[in-house]
Amino acid sequence: MANSSRILELTILEREYRINCPEGAEEKLREAARYLNDKMAEIKQAGAAGGKVLGTDRIAVIAALNITHQLHELQAEQSETSGELARLDSLVEEALEQDLQLEL
């Protein structure tokens, strides 16, 4: 049986979009749209403050690049944290083995 979906109407930079959304994911998609709208509005405002009028396509690409960069940074941090946790787990295991050997 296929997953059912519904159509959400989202507004990004004052433009309406109708998007298919799997049932149960509506709020997450709305949150993502709000986040994207906020990022695009920041870029649009920064461009206007600098005396530039940026087109929606350019704003969208810059926002996508910024969000992708943030994602990659978070993934790198997560990978580093996972490596540190594995190292700590190994140290704990070694300490427990040494403690067990001392008891014998």
C-alpha atoms as a PDB file:
ATOM      1  CA  MET A   1       0.000   0.000   0.000  1.00  0.00           C
ATOM      2  CA  ALA A   2       1.432   3.373  -0.974  1.00  0.00           C
ATOM      3  CA  ASN A   3       1.946   6.062   1.620  1.00  0.00           C
ATOM      4  CA  SER A   4      -0.822   8.614   1.489  1.00  0.00           C
ATOM      5  CA  SER A   5       0.078  12.222   1.052  1.00  0.00           C
ATOM      6  CA  ARG A   6      -1.587  15.559   1.097  1.00  0.00           C
ATOM      7  CA  ILE A   7      -0.896  18.903  -0.467  1.00  0.00           C
ATOM      8  CA  LEU A   8       0.366  21.704   1.753  1.00  0.00           C
ATOM      9  CA  GLU A   9       0.264  25.333   0.795  1.00  0.00           C
ATOM     10  CA  LEU A  10       3.442  27.069   1.920  1.00  0.00           C
ATOM     11  CA  THR A  11       4.556  30.666   1.548  1.00  0.00           C
ATOM     12  CA  ILE A  12       8.220  31.416   0.896  1.00  0.00           C
ATOM     13  CA  LEU A  13       9.271  34.997   0.183  1.00  0.00           C
ATOM     14  CA  GLU A  14       5.657  36.027  -0.270  1.00  0.00           C
ATOM     15  CA  ARG A  15       5.126  33.386  -2.951  1.00  0.00           C
ATOM     16  CA  GLU A  16       2.707  30.475  -2.577  1.00  0.00           C
ATOM     17  CA  TYR A  17       3.823  26.892  -3.212  1.00  0.00           C
ATOM     18  CA  ARG A  18       1.702  23.750  -3.232  1.00  0.00           C
ATOM     19  CA  ILE A  19       3.815  20.823  -2.082  1.00  0.00           C
ATOM     20  CA  ASN A  20       3.018  17.109  -1.768  1.00  0.00           C
ATOM     21  CA  CYS A  21       3.730  15.950   1.758  1.00  0.00           C
ATOM     22  CA  PRO A  22       3.535  12.476   3.306  1.00  0.00           C
ATOM     23  CA  GLU A  23       0.908  12.265   6.011  1.00  0.00           C
ATOM     24  CA  GLY A  24       2.391  12.869   9.421  1.00  0.00           C
ATOM     25  CA  ALA A  25       5.233  15.042   8.109  1.00  0.00           C
ATOM     26  CA  GLU A  26       3.213  18.227   7.702  1.00  0.00           C
ATOM     27  CA  GLU A  27       4.589  20.094  10.705  1.00  0.00           C
ATOM     28  CA  LYS A  28       8.189  19.210   9.887  1.00  0.00           C
ATOM     29  CA  LEU A  29       7.715  20.459   6.334  1.00  0.00           C
ATOM     30  CA  ARG A  30       6.118  23.672   7.632  1.00  0.00           C
ATOM     31  CA  GLU A  31       9.088  24.161   9.986  1.00  0.00           C
ATOM     32  CA  ALA A  32      11.502  23.595   7.096  1.00  0.00           C
ATOM     33  CA  ALA A  33       9.597  26.115   4.968  1.00  0.00           C
ATOM     34  CA  ARG A  34       9.684  28.690   7.796  1.00  0.00           C
ATOM     35  CA  TYR A  35      13.421  28.146   8.217  1.00  0.00           C
ATOM     36  CA  LEU A  36      14.028  28.495   4.475  1.00  0.00           C
ATOM     37  CA  ASN A  37      11.814  31.589   4.317  1.00  0.00           C
ATOM     38  CA  ASP A  38      13.752  33.178   7.194  1.00  0.00           C
ATOM     39  CA  LYS A  39      17.120  32.436   5.560  1.00  0.00           C
ATOM     40  CA  MET A  40      15.980  33.742   2.185  1.00  0.00           C
ATOM     41  CA  ALA A  41      14.521  36.880   3.798  1.00  0.00           C
ATOM     42  CA  GLU A  42      17.876  37.507   5.560  1.00  0.00           C
ATOM     43  CA  ILE A  43      19.732  37.219   2.251  1.00  0.00           C
ATOM     44  CA  LYS A  44      17.225  39.457   0.478  1.00  0.00           C
ATOM     45  CA  GLN A  45      17.504  42.071   3.235  1.00  0.00           C
ATOM     46  CA  ALA A  46      21.322  41.919   3.249  1.00  0.00           C
ATOM     47  CA  GLY A  47      21.360  42.421  -0.513  1.00  0.00           C
ATOM     48  CA  ALA A  48      18.976  45.378  -0.250  1.00  0.00           C
ATOM     49  CA  ALA A  49      21.071  46.909   2.537  1.00  0.00           C
ATOM     50  CA  GLY A  50      24.075  46.727   0.220  1.00  0.00           C
ATOM     51  CA  GLY A  51      22.145  48.449  -2.532  1.00  0.00           C
ATOM     52  CA  LYS A  52      21.621  45.265  -4.543  1.00  0.00           C
ATOM     53  CA  VAL A  53      18.373  43.802  -5.751  1.00  0.00           C
ATOM     54  CA  LEU A  54      18.748  40.036  -5.813  1.00  0.00           C
ATOM     55  CA  GLY A  55      16.413  37.825  -7.820  1.00  0.00           C
ATOM     56  CA  THR A  56      14.510  35.048  -6.102  1.00  0.00           C
ATOM     57  CA  ASP A  57      16.515  32.369  -7.942  1.00  0.00           C
ATOM     58  CA  ARG A  58      19.809  33.819  -6.733  1.00  0.00           C
ATOM     59  CA  ILE A  59      18.463  34.187  -3.181  1.00  0.00           C
ATOM     60  CA  ALA A  60      17.324  30.547  -3.252  1.00  0.00           C
ATOM     61  CA  VAL A  61      20.726  29.295  -4.441  1.00  0.00           C
ATOM     62  CA  ILE A  62      22.592  31.314  -1.807  1.00  0.00           C
ATOM     63  CA  ALA A  63      20.224  30.044   0.896  1.00  0.00           C
ATOM     64  CA  ALA A  64      20.657  26.456  -0.314  1.00  0.00           C
ATOM     65  CA  LEU A  65      24.451  26.811  -0.247  1.00  0.00           C
ATOM     66  CA  ASN A  66      24.386  28.296   3.250  1.00  0.00           C
ATOM     67  CA  ILE A  67      22.088  25.584   4.578  1.00  0.00           C
ATOM     68  CA  THR A  68      24.157  22.853   2.903  1.00  0.00           C
ATOM     69  CA  HIS A  69      27.312  24.316   4.441  1.00  0.00           C
ATOM     70  CA  GLN A  70      25.659  24.256   7.883  1.00  0.00           C
ATOM     71  CA  LEU A  71      24.618  20.650   7.327  1.00  0.00           C
ATOM     72  CA  HIS A  72      28.155  19.603   6.367  1.00  0.00           C
ATOM     73  CA  GLU A  73      29.582  21.344   9.444  1.00  0.00           C
ATOM     74  CA  LEU A  74      27.097  19.518  11.683  1.00  0.00           C
ATOM     75  CA  GLN A  75      27.901  16.189  10.014  1.00  0.00           C
ATOM     76  CA  ALA A  76      31.635  16.778  10.552  1.00  0.00           C
ATOM     77  CA  GLU A  77      31.034  17.638  14.204  1.00  0.00           C
ATOM     78  CA  GLN A  78      28.885  14.525  14.612  1.00  0.00           C
ATOM     79  CA  SER A  79      31.559  12.370  13.005  1.00  0.00           C
ATOM     80  CA  GLU A  80      34.215  13.847  15.275  1.00  0.00           C
ATOM     81  CA  THR A  81      32.014  13.326  18.334  1.00  0.00           C
ATOM     82  CA  SER A  82      31.335   9.716  17.304  1.00  0.00           C
ATOM     83  CA  GLY A  83      35.070   9.104  17.012  1.00  0.00           C
ATOM     84  CA  GLU A  84      35.688  10.599  20.446  1.00  0.00           C
ATOM     85  CA  LEU A  85      32.901   8.477  21.957  1.00  0.00           C
ATOM     86  CA  ALA A  86      34.357   5.329  20.388  1.00  0.00           C
ATOM     87  CA  ARG A  87      37.778   6.213  21.827  1.00  0.00           C
ATOM     88  CA  LEU A  88      36.282   6.809  25.287  1.00  0.00           C
ATOM     89  CA  ASP A  89      34.335   3.548  25.062  1.00  0.00           C
ATOM     90  CA  SER A  90      37.573   1.735  24.250  1.00  0.00           C
ATOM     91  CA  LEU A  91      39.329   3.338  27.231  1.00  0.00           C
ATOM     92  CA  VAL A  92      36.481   2.333  29.552  1.00  0.00           C
ATOM     93  CA  GLU A  93      36.591  -1.240  28.240  1.00  0.00           C
ATOM     94  CA  GLU A  94      40.366  -1.390  28.825  1.00  0.00           C
ATOM     95  CA  ALA A  95      39.958  -0.033  32.351  1.00  0.00           C
ATOM     96  CA  LEU A  96      37.239  -2.588  33.119  1.00  0.00           C
ATOM     97  CA  GLU A  97      39.392  -5.418  31.775  1.00  0.00           C
ATOM     98  CA  GLN A  98      42.347  -4.292  33.910  1.00  0.00           C
ATOM     99  CA  ASP A  99      40.082  -4.052  36.978  1.00  0.00           C
ATOM    100  CA  LEU A 100      38.750  -7.549  36.293  1.00  0.00           C
ATOM    101  CA  GLN A 101      42.309  -8.882  35.981  1.00  0.00           C
ATOM    102  CA  LEU A 102      43.266  -7.258  39.309  1.00  0.00           C
ATOM    103  CA  GLU A 103      40.363  -8.984  41.080  1.00  0.00           C
ATOM    104  CA  LEU A 104      41.503 -12.405  39.864  1.00  0.00           C
END
